[in-house]
Amino acid sequence: MEFTRYAIAYLDILGFKKFVEDAEDNNKPEKLMALKKLFEEVIPREISIDGKNASYPDEMKLRCLSFSDSIVVSAPFQDNSSYPALIAVSIKAIQISHSLLDMELLVRGGIAVGNIYQTDSNILGTGYQKAVQMEKVACNPQIILDESAESELDNLILKQKMPTYSMFAKNELGKKILNSIHPEKSYLPDERYSVDYYFKKYRETILESLNKLNCQENSKAKEKWIWFARLFNANVNYFSCFEEDVETLPIAEALLTVSINYLNPTETNSEWMEPFKALGMTIQINH
């Protein structure tokens, strides 16, 4: 037995028990098909930017274990991998989160870096324990980076000069999280459909879930969907990749909100552009 340094994401699927119970019911075959798609298509999907629906490269050694209502994504640190381990695990976690939201399910989890020992069916070690612990403190449906993952991300950007990845955000408390619905086409459940298509579908899912919970004033489930609605709005307000109008959700925004793509802050001062401005033109910086 040997412990090796890995990046690990521990994902807890909220409401998964009821979904599986429905899938076992012959009257709801669409849920059985959704589970089949998750485990046979989305989880094995390559994480390259061209989004080929094939197994991820063997040399990456990216692995997904599932048990009960949890999924564990892990990748070892190695020199010959196509992606840094933390980035590979983060992309796969986002792909899974998109697919689960398409199934009307939310995800809560944690990402950590540390030593683990892993087989085809088991995993143990302090790295795994740290990821599990982050899920326990997450509260809302978010995937939080442990301090070990934060340090590794800083190391990638500051020391190894890797890109300032746009998939990371900060929550309302300033904690670094994954943007679990980052609007990248290759992360979507089915790449035959556009980002616009899925975000409109997500919007309807969130509204329907909130309407069902409206009669439960103190519902913890309602609080989770409200938080997620704010994450949805933050994405719609920030990104300009939508070809059609995708409306934000009619929900009161919190005093403190999620900061999308915190590694690439929006330019707020346009004075530096003045020498390049054509006569009669007004400069506007898009968020």
C-alpha atoms as a PDB file:
ATOM      1  CA  MET A   1       0.000   0.000   0.000  1.00  0.00           C
ATOM      2  CA  GLU A   2       1.332   3.423  -0.993  1.00  0.00           C
ATOM      3  CA  PHE A   3      -0.183   6.867  -0.504  1.00  0.00           C
ATOM      4  CA  THR A   4       0.119   9.263  -3.464  1.00  0.00           C
ATOM      5  CA  ARG A   5      -0.603  12.977  -3.874  1.00  0.00           C
ATOM      6  CA  TYR A   6      -3.932  13.567  -5.616  1.00  0.00           C
ATOM      7  CA  ALA A   7      -6.527  16.228  -6.316  1.00  0.00           C
ATOM      8  CA  ILE A   8      -9.910  15.001  -5.051  1.00  0.00           C
ATOM      9  CA  ALA A   9     -13.479  16.248  -5.431  1.00  0.00           C
ATOM     10  CA  TYR A  10     -16.136  14.823  -3.139  1.00  0.00           C
ATOM     11  CA  LEU A  11     -19.655  15.472  -4.471  1.00  0.00           C
ATOM     12  CA  ASP A  12     -22.855  14.880  -2.503  1.00  0.00           C
ATOM     13  CA  ILE A  13     -25.985  14.712  -4.687  1.00  0.00           C
ATOM     14  CA  LEU A  14     -28.872  16.444  -2.928  1.00  0.00           C
ATOM     15  CA  GLY A  15     -32.200  14.647  -3.321  1.00  0.00           C
ATOM     16  CA  PHE A  16     -30.621  11.649  -5.050  1.00  0.00           C
ATOM     17  CA  LYS A  17     -32.384   9.058  -2.901  1.00  0.00           C
ATOM     18  CA  LYS A  18     -35.824  10.150  -4.117  1.00  0.00           C
ATOM     19  CA  PHE A  19     -34.605  10.312  -7.722  1.00  0.00           C
ATOM     20  CA  VAL A  20     -33.347   6.712  -7.597  1.00  0.00           C
ATOM     21  CA  GLU A  21     -36.604   5.561  -6.014  1.00  0.00           C
ATOM     22  CA  ASP A  22     -38.479   7.150  -8.920  1.00  0.00           C
ATOM     23  CA  ALA A  23     -36.093   5.594 -11.441  1.00  0.00           C
ATOM     24  CA  GLU A  24     -36.943   2.157 -10.072  1.00  0.00           C
ATOM     25  CA  ASP A  25     -40.610   2.861 -10.751  1.00  0.00           C
ATOM     26  CA  ASN A  26     -41.605   1.590 -14.210  1.00  0.00           C
ATOM     27  CA  ASN A  27     -43.894   4.578 -14.582  1.00  0.00           C
ATOM     28  CA  LYS A  28     -40.905   6.958 -14.722  1.00  0.00           C
ATOM     29  CA  PRO A  29     -38.479   5.496 -17.269  1.00  0.00           C
ATOM     30  CA  GLU A  30     -37.110   8.952 -18.136  1.00  0.00           C
ATOM     31  CA  LYS A  31     -35.326   9.024 -14.777  1.00  0.00           C
ATOM     32  CA  LEU A  32     -33.751   5.648 -15.459  1.00  0.00           C
ATOM     33  CA  MET A  33     -32.509   6.982 -18.794  1.00  0.00           C
ATOM     34  CA  ALA A  34     -31.097  10.062 -17.053  1.00  0.00           C
ATOM     35  CA  LEU A  35     -29.111   7.857 -14.660  1.00  0.00           C
ATOM     36  CA  LYS A  36     -27.854   5.778 -17.572  1.00  0.00           C
ATOM     37  CA  LYS A  37     -26.674   8.929 -19.354  1.00  0.00           C
ATOM     38  CA  LEU A  38     -24.914  10.228 -16.236  1.00  0.00           C
ATOM     39  CA  PHE A  39     -22.919   7.066 -15.580  1.00  0.00           C
ATOM     40  CA  GLU A  40     -22.368   5.862 -19.147  1.00  0.00           C
ATOM     41  CA  GLU A  41     -21.827   9.142 -21.001  1.00  0.00           C
ATOM     42  CA  VAL A  42     -21.144  12.160 -18.783  1.00  0.00           C
ATOM     43  CA  ILE A  43     -18.782  10.621 -16.224  1.00  0.00           C
ATOM     44  CA  PRO A  44     -16.600   8.846 -18.850  1.00  0.00           C
ATOM     45  CA  ARG A  45     -16.565  11.902 -21.160  1.00  0.00           C
ATOM     46  CA  GLU A  46     -13.235  13.308 -22.224  1.00  0.00           C
ATOM     47  CA  ILE A  47     -12.469  16.667 -20.622  1.00  0.00           C
ATOM     48  CA  SER A  48     -10.681  18.156 -23.628  1.00  0.00           C
ATOM     49  CA  ILE A  49     -12.017  21.447 -24.957  1.00  0.00           C
ATOM     50  CA  ASP A  50     -13.357  19.842 -28.141  1.00  0.00           C
ATOM     51  CA  GLY A  51     -15.632  17.767 -25.962  1.00  0.00           C
ATOM     52  CA  LYS A  52     -15.349  14.407 -27.671  1.00  0.00           C
ATOM     53  CA  ASN A  53     -17.685  11.922 -26.071  1.00  0.00           C
ATOM     54  CA  ALA A  54     -14.909   9.427 -25.392  1.00  0.00           C
ATOM     55  CA  SER A  55     -12.993   8.143 -22.394  1.00  0.00           C
ATOM     56  CA  TYR A  56     -10.587  10.587 -20.843  1.00  0.00           C
ATOM     57  CA  PRO A  57      -6.934   9.912 -21.731  1.00  0.00           C
ATOM     58  CA  ASP A  58      -5.449   6.970 -19.846  1.00  0.00           C
ATOM     59  CA  GLU A  59      -2.311   8.874 -18.909  1.00  0.00           C
ATOM     60  CA  MET A  60      -4.409  11.336 -16.904  1.00  0.00           C
ATOM     61  CA  LYS A  61      -5.535   8.523 -14.570  1.00  0.00           C
ATOM     62  CA  LEU A  62      -8.679  10.486 -13.765  1.00  0.00           C
ATOM     63  CA  ARG A  63     -11.074   8.256 -11.871  1.00  0.00           C
ATOM     64  CA  CYS A  64     -14.660   8.490 -10.646  1.00  0.00           C
ATOM     65  CA  LEU A  65     -16.038   6.353  -7.839  1.00  0.00           C
ATOM     66  CA  SER A  66     -19.725   6.409  -6.952  1.00  0.00           C
ATOM     67  CA  PHE A  67     -21.462   5.036  -3.893  1.00  0.00           C
ATOM     68  CA  SER A  68     -24.932   5.782  -2.587  1.00  0.00           C
ATOM     69  CA  ASP A  69     -25.545   9.518  -3.213  1.00  0.00           C
ATOM     70  CA  SER A  70     -21.861  10.498  -3.511  1.00  0.00           C
ATOM     71  CA  ILE A  71     -19.346  10.714  -6.343  1.00  0.00           C
ATOM     72  CA  VAL A  72     -15.591  11.010  -5.829  1.00  0.00           C
ATOM     73  CA  VAL A  73     -13.419  12.372  -8.659  1.00  0.00           C
ATOM     74  CA  SER A  74      -9.655  12.029  -8.327  1.00  0.00           C
ATOM     75  CA  ALA A  75      -6.504  12.534 -10.384  1.00  0.00           C
ATOM     76  CA  PRO A  76      -2.862  12.030  -9.365  1.00  0.00           C
ATOM     77  CA  PHE A  77      -0.172  14.658  -9.697  1.00  0.00           C
ATOM     78  CA  GLN A  78       2.163  13.663 -12.531  1.00  0.00           C
ATOM     79  CA  ASP A  79       4.412  15.366 -15.054  1.00  0.00           C
ATOM     80  CA  ASN A  80       3.019  13.869 -18.265  1.00  0.00           C
ATOM     81  CA  SER A  81      -0.691  14.632 -17.795  1.00  0.00           C
ATOM     82  CA  SER A  82      -2.664  16.670 -20.353  1.00  0.00           C
ATOM     83  CA  TYR A  83      -4.065  18.807 -17.534  1.00  0.00           C
ATOM     84  CA  PRO A  84      -2.906  19.680 -14.029  1.00  0.00           C
ATOM     85  CA  ALA A  85      -4.629  17.310 -11.605  1.00  0.00           C
ATOM     86  CA  LEU A  86      -6.634  20.066  -9.878  1.00  0.00           C
ATOM     87  CA  ILE A  87      -7.949  21.386 -13.196  1.00  0.00           C
ATOM     88  CA  ALA A  88      -8.846  17.919 -14.492  1.00  0.00           C
ATOM     89  CA  VAL A  89     -10.837  17.156 -11.348  1.00  0.00           C
ATOM     90  CA  SER A  90     -12.531  20.572 -11.411  1.00  0.00           C
ATOM     91  CA  ILE A  91     -13.655  20.210 -15.030  1.00  0.00           C
ATOM     92  CA  LYS A  92     -15.065  16.749 -14.414  1.00  0.00           C
ATOM     93  CA  ALA A  93     -16.892  18.002 -11.289  1.00  0.00           C
ATOM     94  CA  ILE A  94     -18.494  20.784 -13.364  1.00  0.00           C
ATOM     95  CA  GLN A  95     -19.540  18.339 -16.086  1.00  0.00           C
ATOM     96  CA  ILE A  96     -21.199  16.167 -13.458  1.00  0.00           C
ATOM     97  CA  SER A  97     -22.876  19.193 -11.822  1.00  0.00           C
ATOM     98  CA  HIS A  98     -24.375  20.284 -15.154  1.00  0.00           C
ATOM     99  CA  SER A  99     -25.716  16.805 -15.785  1.00  0.00           C
ATOM    100  CA  LEU A 100     -27.247  16.583 -12.312  1.00  0.00           C
ATOM    101  CA  LEU A 101     -28.927  19.987 -12.657  1.00  0.00           C
ATOM    102  CA  ASP A 102     -30.381  18.714 -15.937  1.00  0.00           C
ATOM    103  CA  MET A 103     -31.853  15.935 -13.751  1.00  0.00           C
ATOM    104  CA  GLU A 104     -33.210  18.672 -11.392  1.00  0.00           C
ATOM    105  CA  LEU A 105     -30.644  17.808  -8.720  1.00  0.00           C
ATOM    106  CA  LEU A 106     -28.186  20.049  -6.879  1.00  0.00           C
ATOM    107  CA  VAL A 107     -24.643  19.225  -5.772  1.00  0.00           C
ATOM    108  CA  ARG A 108     -22.710  20.146  -2.653  1.00  0.00           C
ATOM    109  CA  GLY A 109     -19.068  19.242  -2.287  1.00  0.00           C
ATOM    110  CA  GLY A 110     -15.452  19.952  -1.565  1.00  0.00           C
ATOM    111  CA  ILE A 111     -12.151  19.834  -3.443  1.00  0.00           C
ATOM    112  CA  ALA A 112      -8.828  19.140  -1.756  1.00  0.00           C
ATOM    113  CA  VAL A 113      -5.247  18.154  -2.489  1.00  0.00           C
ATOM    114  CA  GLY A 114      -3.525  15.497  -0.428  1.00  0.00           C
ATOM    115  CA  ASN A 115      -2.379  11.929  -0.087  1.00  0.00           C
ATOM    116  CA  ILE A 116      -4.730   9.054  -0.833  1.00  0.00           C
ATOM    117  CA  TYR A 117      -4.621   5.345  -1.506  1.00  0.00           C
ATOM    118  CA  GLN A 118      -7.111   4.216  -4.114  1.00  0.00           C
ATOM    119  CA  THR A 119      -8.261   1.003  -5.778  1.00  0.00           C
ATOM    120  CA  ASP A 120     -11.036   0.401  -8.311  1.00  0.00           C
ATOM    121  CA  SER A 121     -13.593   0.359  -5.507  1.00  0.00           C
ATOM    122  CA  ASN A 122     -12.044   2.019  -2.435  1.00  0.00           C
ATOM    123  CA  ILE A 123     -10.394   5.269  -1.444  1.00  0.00           C
ATOM    124  CA  LEU A 124      -8.820   6.474   1.806  1.00  0.00           C
ATOM    125  CA  GLY A 125      -6.352   9.054   3.025  1.00  0.00           C
ATOM    126  CA  THR A 126      -6.135  12.580   4.403  1.00  0.00           C
ATOM    127  CA  GLY A 127      -6.717  14.145   0.971  1.00  0.00           C
ATOM    128  CA  TYR A 128     -10.068  12.390   0.706  1.00  0.00           C
ATOM    129  CA  GLN A 129     -10.942  13.268   4.300  1.00  0.00           C
ATOM    130  CA  LYS A 130     -10.296  16.965   3.654  1.00  0.00           C
ATOM    131  CA  ALA A 131     -12.591  16.945   0.601  1.00  0.00           C
ATOM    132  CA  VAL A 132     -15.347  15.243   2.624  1.00  0.00           C
ATOM    133  CA  GLN A 133     -14.938  17.779   5.422  1.00  0.00           C
ATOM    134  CA  MET A 134     -15.349  20.688   2.987  1.00  0.00           C
ATOM    135  CA  GLU A 135     -18.651  19.193   1.791  1.00  0.00           C
ATOM    136  CA  LYS A 136     -19.871  19.105   5.391  1.00  0.00           C
ATOM    137  CA  VAL A 137     -19.221  22.838   5.886  1.00  0.00           C
ATOM    138  CA  ALA A 138     -20.483  23.931   2.458  1.00  0.00           C
ATOM    139  CA  CYS A 139     -24.159  24.250   3.578  1.00  0.00           C
ATOM    140  CA  ASN A 140     -25.381  25.651   0.243  1.00  0.00           C
ATOM    141  CA  PRO A 141     -25.200  23.731  -3.068  1.00  0.00           C
ATOM    142  CA  GLN A 142     -21.640  24.758  -3.834  1.00  0.00           C
ATOM    143  CA  ILE A 143     -18.290  23.026  -4.312  1.00  0.00           C
ATOM    144  CA  ILE A 144     -15.743  24.660  -2.000  1.00  0.00           C
ATOM    145  CA  LEU A 145     -11.969  24.530  -2.324  1.00  0.00           C
ATOM    146  CA  ASP A 146     -10.083  23.404   0.754  1.00  0.00           C
ATOM    147  CA  GLU A 147      -6.999  25.451   1.710  1.00  0.00           C
ATOM    148  CA  SER A 148      -4.834  22.767   0.084  1.00  0.00           C
ATOM    149  CA  ALA A 149      -6.690  23.218  -3.223  1.00  0.00           C
ATOM    150  CA  GLU A 150      -6.507  27.007  -2.917  1.00  0.00           C
ATOM    151  CA  SER A 151      -2.730  26.794  -2.449  1.00  0.00           C
ATOM    152  CA  GLU A 152      -2.379  24.508  -5.454  1.00  0.00           C
ATOM    153  CA  LEU A 153      -4.441  26.877  -7.612  1.00  0.00           C
ATOM    154  CA  ASP A 154      -2.238  29.801  -6.542  1.00  0.00           C
ATOM    155  CA  ASN A 155       0.827  27.706  -7.310  1.00  0.00           C
ATOM    156  CA  LEU A 156      -0.437  26.900 -10.816  1.00  0.00           C
ATOM    157  CA  ILE A 157      -1.094  30.514 -11.674  1.00  0.00           C
ATOM    158  CA  LEU A 158       1.707  32.358  -9.880  1.00  0.00           C
ATOM    159  CA  LYS A 159       4.597  29.890 -10.128  1.00  0.00           C
ATOM    160  CA  GLN A 160       3.794  27.653 -13.078  1.00  0.00           C
ATOM    161  CA  LYS A 161       2.274  30.495 -15.132  1.00  0.00           C
ATOM    162  CA  MET A 162      -0.825  28.503 -16.062  1.00  0.00           C
ATOM    163  CA  PRO A 163      -3.941  30.325 -17.399  1.00  0.00           C
ATOM    164  CA  THR A 164      -6.156  32.295 -15.021  1.00  0.00           C
ATOM    165  CA  TYR A 165      -8.964  29.770 -15.262  1.00  0.00           C
ATOM    166  CA  SER A 166     -12.455  31.253 -15.519  1.00  0.00           C
ATOM    167  CA  MET A 167     -14.210  28.296 -13.818  1.00  0.00           C
ATOM    168  CA  PHE A 168     -13.380  29.477 -10.292  1.00  0.00           C
ATOM    169  CA  ALA A 169     -15.463  31.916  -8.279  1.00  0.00           C
ATOM    170  CA  LYS A 170     -15.782  33.301  -4.759  1.00  0.00           C
ATOM    171  CA  ASN A 171     -18.893  32.891  -2.663  1.00  0.00           C
ATOM    172  CA  GLU A 172     -20.542  35.608  -0.597  1.00  0.00           C
ATOM    173  CA  LEU A 173     -18.095  34.932   2.254  1.00  0.00           C
ATOM    174  CA  GLY A 174     -15.049  35.235   0.007  1.00  0.00           C
ATOM    175  CA  LYS A 175     -14.390  31.485  -0.039  1.00  0.00           C
ATOM    176  CA  LYS A 176     -13.084  30.066  -3.327  1.00  0.00           C
ATOM    177  CA  ILE A 177     -15.535  27.744  -5.048  1.00  0.00           C
ATOM    178  CA  LEU A 178     -16.080  26.067  -8.390  1.00  0.00           C
ATOM    179  CA  ASN A 179     -18.551  27.772 -10.672  1.00  0.00           C
ATOM    180  CA  SER A 180     -20.502  24.519 -10.944  1.00  0.00           C
ATOM    181  CA  ILE A 181     -22.583  25.744 -13.913  1.00  0.00           C
ATOM    182  CA  HIS A 182     -19.723  27.421 -15.777  1.00  0.00           C
ATOM    183  CA  PRO A 183     -21.248  28.025 -19.256  1.00  0.00           C
ATOM    184  CA  GLU A 184     -18.708  26.155 -21.370  1.00  0.00           C
ATOM    185  CA  LYS A 185     -20.281  24.074 -24.155  1.00  0.00           C
ATOM    186  CA  SER A 186     -18.029  21.040 -23.610  1.00  0.00           C
ATOM    187  CA  TYR A 187     -19.209  20.850 -19.987  1.00  0.00           C
ATOM    188  CA  LEU A 188     -22.907  20.551 -20.887  1.00  0.00           C
ATOM    189  CA  PRO A 189     -24.894  17.306 -20.521  1.00  0.00           C
ATOM    190  CA  ASP A 190     -25.373  17.012 -24.290  1.00  0.00           C
ATOM    191  CA  GLU A 191     -23.203  19.059 -26.617  1.00  0.00           C
ATOM    192  CA  ARG A 192     -25.730  18.895 -29.416  1.00  0.00           C
ATOM    193  CA  TYR A 193     -27.579  21.640 -27.559  1.00  0.00           C
ATOM    194  CA  SER A 194     -26.443  25.192 -26.892  1.00  0.00           C
ATOM    195  CA  VAL A 195     -25.545  26.960 -23.670  1.00  0.00           C
ATOM    196  CA  ASP A 196     -28.709  29.056 -24.177  1.00  0.00           C
ATOM    197  CA  TYR A 197     -30.866  25.930 -24.365  1.00  0.00           C
ATOM    198  CA  TYR A 198     -29.556  24.530 -21.106  1.00  0.00           C
ATOM    199  CA  PHE A 199     -29.610  27.787 -19.162  1.00  0.00           C
ATOM    200  CA  LYS A 200     -33.236  28.370 -20.155  1.00  0.00           C
ATOM    201  CA  LYS A 201     -33.974  24.839 -19.007  1.00  0.00           C
ATOM    202  CA  TYR A 202     -32.082  25.420 -15.736  1.00  0.00           C
ATOM    203  CA  ARG A 203     -34.077  28.596 -15.190  1.00  0.00           C
ATOM    204  CA  GLU A 204     -37.355  26.684 -15.467  1.00  0.00           C
ATOM    205  CA  THR A 205     -36.044  23.963 -13.144  1.00  0.00           C
ATOM    206  CA  ILE A 206     -35.090  26.510 -10.472  1.00  0.00           C
ATOM    207  CA  LEU A 207     -38.430  28.327 -10.743  1.00  0.00           C
ATOM    208  CA  GLU A 208     -40.417  25.090 -10.531  1.00  0.00           C
ATOM    209  CA  SER A 209     -38.415  23.931  -7.525  1.00  0.00           C
ATOM    210  CA  LEU A 210     -38.934  27.232  -5.709  1.00  0.00           C
ATOM    211  CA  ASN A 211     -42.667  27.245  -6.501  1.00  0.00           C
ATOM    212  CA  LYS A 212     -43.024  23.749  -5.030  1.00  0.00           C
ATOM    213  CA  LEU A 213     -41.294  24.911  -1.853  1.00  0.00           C
ATOM    214  CA  ASN A 214     -43.071  28.261  -1.453  1.00  0.00           C
ATOM    215  CA  CYS A 215     -45.449  26.911   1.156  1.00  0.00           C
ATOM    216  CA  GLN A 216     -42.522  25.841   3.324  1.00  0.00           C
ATOM    217  CA  GLU A 217     -41.309  29.124   4.797  1.00  0.00           C
ATOM    218  CA  ASN A 218     -38.519  27.554   6.858  1.00  0.00           C
ATOM    219  CA  SER A 219     -37.563  24.924   4.330  1.00  0.00           C
ATOM    220  CA  LYS A 220     -33.832  24.242   4.142  1.00  0.00           C
ATOM    221  CA  ALA A 221     -34.399  22.935   0.631  1.00  0.00           C
ATOM    222  CA  LYS A 222     -35.890  26.300  -0.350  1.00  0.00           C
ATOM    223  CA  GLU A 223     -32.864  28.132   1.045  1.00  0.00           C
ATOM    224  CA  LYS A 224     -30.593  25.952  -1.102  1.00  0.00           C
ATOM    225  CA  TRP A 225     -32.530  26.694  -4.271  1.00  0.00           C
ATOM    226  CA  ILE A 226     -32.556  30.433  -3.483  1.00  0.00           C
ATOM    227  CA  TRP A 227     -28.774  30.393  -3.112  1.00  0.00           C
ATOM    228  CA  PHE A 228     -28.449  28.492  -6.373  1.00  0.00           C
ATOM    229  CA  ALA A 229     -30.776  30.966  -8.112  1.00  0.00           C
ATOM    230  CA  ARG A 230     -28.301  33.688  -7.178  1.00  0.00           C
ATOM    231  CA  LEU A 231     -25.440  31.652  -8.644  1.00  0.00           C
ATOM    232  CA  PHE A 232     -27.492  31.290 -11.837  1.00  0.00           C
ATOM    233  CA  ASN A 233     -28.124  35.046 -11.989  1.00  0.00           C
ATOM    234  CA  ALA A 234     -24.456  35.792 -11.395  1.00  0.00           C
ATOM    235  CA  ASN A 235     -23.533  33.651 -14.418  1.00  0.00           C
ATOM    236  CA  VAL A 236     -26.168  35.205 -16.674  1.00  0.00           C
ATOM    237  CA  ASN A 237     -25.118  38.723 -15.660  1.00  0.00           C
ATOM    238  CA  TYR A 238     -21.410  38.050 -16.072  1.00  0.00           C
ATOM    239  CA  PHE A 239     -20.897  35.964 -19.202  1.00  0.00           C
ATOM    240  CA  SER A 240     -21.543  37.199 -22.738  1.00  0.00           C
ATOM    241  CA  CYS A 241     -21.545  33.744 -24.382  1.00  0.00           C
ATOM    242  CA  PHE A 242     -25.336  33.565 -24.614  1.00  0.00           C
ATOM    243  CA  GLU A 243     -26.568  33.997 -28.189  1.00  0.00           C
ATOM    244  CA  GLU A 244     -30.162  34.551 -27.137  1.00  0.00           C
ATOM    245  CA  ASP A 245     -31.659  36.448 -24.234  1.00  0.00           C
ATOM    246  CA  VAL A 246     -31.470  34.340 -21.087  1.00  0.00           C
ATOM    247  CA  GLU A 247     -33.360  36.105 -18.327  1.00  0.00           C
ATOM    248  CA  THR A 248     -32.237  36.248 -14.749  1.00  0.00           C
ATOM    249  CA  LEU A 249     -34.471  34.815 -12.058  1.00  0.00           C
ATOM    250  CA  PRO A 250     -36.879  37.153 -10.206  1.00  0.00           C
ATOM    251  CA  ILE A 251     -35.328  36.708  -6.814  1.00  0.00           C
ATOM    252  CA  ALA A 252     -34.093  39.204  -4.239  1.00  0.00           C
ATOM    253  CA  GLU A 253     -30.330  39.413  -4.413  1.00  0.00           C
ATOM    254  CA  ALA A 254     -28.326  39.109  -1.214  1.00  0.00           C
ATOM    255  CA  LEU A 255     -26.221  41.978   0.087  1.00  0.00           C
ATOM    256  CA  LEU A 256     -23.138  39.857  -0.609  1.00  0.00           C
ATOM    257  CA  THR A 257     -23.147  37.846  -3.839  1.00  0.00           C
ATOM    258  CA  VAL A 258     -21.033  35.311  -5.699  1.00  0.00           C
ATOM    259  CA  SER A 259     -18.071  36.789  -7.561  1.00  0.00           C
ATOM    260  CA  ILE A 260     -17.839  34.942 -10.889  1.00  0.00           C
ATOM    261  CA  ASN A 261     -14.428  34.388 -12.513  1.00  0.00           C
ATOM    262  CA  TYR A 262     -12.608  36.102  -9.652  1.00  0.00           C
ATOM    263  CA  LEU A 263      -9.204  35.396 -11.217  1.00  0.00           C
ATOM    264  CA  ASN A 264     -10.072  37.746 -14.089  1.00  0.00           C
ATOM    265  CA  PRO A 265     -11.743  40.746 -12.448  1.00  0.00           C
ATOM    266  CA  THR A 266     -13.804  43.049 -14.641  1.00  0.00           C
ATOM    267  CA  GLU A 267     -12.148  46.302 -15.627  1.00  0.00           C
ATOM    268  CA  THR A 268     -14.105  49.112 -13.999  1.00  0.00           C
ATOM    269  CA  ASN A 269     -12.013  52.097 -15.072  1.00  0.00           C
ATOM    270  CA  SER A 270     -12.001  52.858 -18.798  1.00  0.00           C
ATOM    271  CA  GLU A 271      -9.722  55.914 -18.673  1.00  0.00           C
ATOM    272  CA  TRP A 272      -6.853  53.912 -20.182  1.00  0.00           C
ATOM    273  CA  MET A 273      -8.962  53.502 -23.365  1.00  0.00           C
ATOM    274  CA  GLU A 274      -9.482  57.229 -23.939  1.00  0.00           C
ATOM    275  CA  PRO A 275      -6.558  57.652 -26.428  1.00  0.00           C
ATOM    276  CA  PHE A 276      -8.091  54.937 -28.624  1.00  0.00           C
ATOM    277  CA  LYS A 277     -11.662  56.253 -28.610  1.00  0.00           C
ATOM    278  CA  ALA A 278     -13.135  57.447 -31.903  1.00  0.00           C
ATOM    279  CA  LEU A 279     -14.792  60.852 -31.956  1.00  0.00           C
ATOM    280  CA  GLY A 280     -18.400  60.793 -30.887  1.00  0.00           C
ATOM    281  CA  MET A 281     -18.144  57.297 -29.398  1.00  0.00           C
ATOM    282  CA  THR A 282     -18.847  56.282 -25.807  1.00  0.00           C
ATOM    283  CA  ILE A 283     -16.839  53.537 -24.149  1.00  0.00           C
ATOM    284  CA  GLN A 284     -18.736  50.870 -22.246  1.00  0.00           C
ATOM    285  CA  ILE A 285     -17.050  47.934 -20.551  1.00  0.00           C
ATOM    286  CA  ASN A 286     -19.115  44.748 -20.638  1.00  0.00           C
ATOM    287  CA  HIS A 287     -19.104  42.554 -17.543  1.00  0.00           C
END
